[in-house]
Amino acid sequence: MKRDSRFMKITGFVILTIACLLFLLIPVVPWLGFSAGKIAGISVGLLIAGEVLFYLSLFILGRSYFDKIKSRLKFWIKRIRGTKASPESE
């Protein structure tokens, strides 16, 4: 049972990494020399694939990792804005 759980955790992190890489590829697409229509199509495809893989990885990793990711995002948003998060957002 423990080995199966470890495999699922690794699988979840691999899928999460691939999702992040897909998001990072979106700004690179315009410099690849495609036409405007192809750039739009590839960008939308990368966005959709990244979102699907992100949510799939959260489903595999479970609620605890979702809460960790959410708390880290709130930390960065607070740091960028320089304000405290409102109680409504928590």
Protein backbone atom coordinates (compact mmCIF):
# COMPACT_ATOMS: atom_id res chain seq x y z
CA MET A 1 0.00 0.00 0.00
CA LYS A 2 2.77 2.43 0.90
CA ARG A 3 4.60 1.75 -2.36
CA ASP A 4 1.45 2.46 -4.35
CA SER A 5 0.97 5.74 -2.49
CA ARG A 6 4.56 6.78 -3.23
CA PHE A 7 4.07 6.00 -6.93
CA MET A 8 0.93 8.15 -7.06
CA LYS A 9 2.75 11.01 -5.33
CA ILE A 10 5.63 10.87 -7.82
CA THR A 11 3.17 10.65 -10.71
CA GLY A 12 1.32 13.69 -9.40
CA PHE A 13 4.51 15.74 -9.15
CA VAL A 14 5.62 14.70 -12.64
CA ILE A 15 2.26 15.77 -14.07
CA LEU A 16 2.44 19.06 -12.12
CA THR A 17 5.93 19.71 -13.51
CA ILE A 18 4.75 19.05 -17.07
CA ALA A 19 1.81 21.43 -16.52
CA CYS A 20 4.16 24.18 -15.33
CA LEU A 21 6.44 23.63 -18.34
CA LEU A 22 3.46 23.96 -20.69
CA PHE A 23 2.58 27.30 -19.10
CA LEU A 24 6.18 28.47 -19.46
CA LEU A 25 6.16 27.57 -23.16
CA ILE A 26 3.29 29.95 -23.96
CA PRO A 27 5.47 33.13 -24.12
CA VAL A 28 8.01 31.29 -26.30
CA VAL A 29 5.55 30.39 -29.07
CA PRO A 30 5.58 33.81 -30.86
CA TRP A 31 9.33 33.51 -31.50
CA LEU A 32 9.03 30.19 -33.30
CA GLY A 33 8.11 31.75 -36.63
CA PHE A 34 4.52 30.58 -36.99
CA SER A 35 1.69 32.64 -38.49
CA ALA A 36 -0.59 34.58 -36.15
CA GLY A 37 -3.36 31.98 -36.39
CA LYS A 38 -1.02 29.13 -35.57
CA ILE A 39 0.48 31.05 -32.66
CA ALA A 40 -3.01 31.62 -31.24
CA GLY A 41 -3.95 27.97 -31.70
CA ILE A 42 -0.76 26.63 -30.16
CA SER A 43 -1.03 29.05 -27.23
CA VAL A 44 -4.63 28.08 -26.53
CA GLY A 45 -3.73 24.38 -26.81
CA LEU A 46 -0.85 24.80 -24.35
CA LEU A 47 -3.11 26.72 -21.97
CA ILE A 48 -5.86 24.10 -22.02
CA ALA A 49 -3.41 21.19 -21.71
CA GLY A 50 -1.63 22.95 -18.83
CA GLU A 51 -4.89 23.56 -16.97
CA VAL A 52 -6.10 19.98 -17.44
CA LEU A 53 -2.77 18.54 -16.28
CA PHE A 54 -2.62 20.95 -13.33
CA TYR A 55 -6.05 19.90 -12.07
CA LEU A 56 -5.28 16.25 -12.73
CA SER A 57 -2.12 16.53 -10.64
CA LEU A 58 -4.08 18.17 -7.81
CA PHE A 59 -6.63 15.35 -7.99
CA ILE A 60 -3.85 12.75 -7.75
CA LEU A 61 -1.90 14.54 -5.00
CA GLY A 62 -4.94 15.27 -2.87
CA ARG A 63 -6.37 18.06 -0.77
CA SER A 64 -3.25 18.64 1.36
CA TYR A 65 -1.13 19.60 -1.65
CA PHE A 66 -3.90 21.81 -2.99
CA ASP A 67 -3.92 23.66 0.34
CA LYS A 68 -0.11 24.02 0.25
CA ILE A 69 -0.18 25.44 -3.27
CA LYS A 70 -3.02 27.80 -2.37
CA SER A 71 -1.22 29.09 0.74
CA ARG A 72 1.99 29.70 -1.21
CA LEU A 73 0.08 31.60 -3.89
CA LYS A 74 -1.54 33.74 -1.21
CA PHE A 75 1.91 34.42 0.27
CA TRP A 76 3.26 35.62 -3.10
CA ILE A 77 0.19 37.74 -3.79
CA LYS A 78 0.50 39.36 -0.37
CA ARG A 79 4.20 39.93 -0.95
CA ILE A 80 3.65 41.52 -4.36
CA ARG A 81 0.81 43.75 -3.19
CA GLY A 82 2.47 44.53 0.14
CA THR A 83 -0.78 44.03 2.01
CA LYS A 84 -2.37 41.40 4.17
CA ALA A 85 -4.86 38.98 2.64
CA SER A 86 -8.45 39.81 3.44
CA PRO A 87 -10.38 37.36 5.64
CA GLU A 88 -12.76 36.74 2.73
CA SER A 89 -9.98 35.24 0.60
CA GLU A 90 -8.99 32.75 3.30
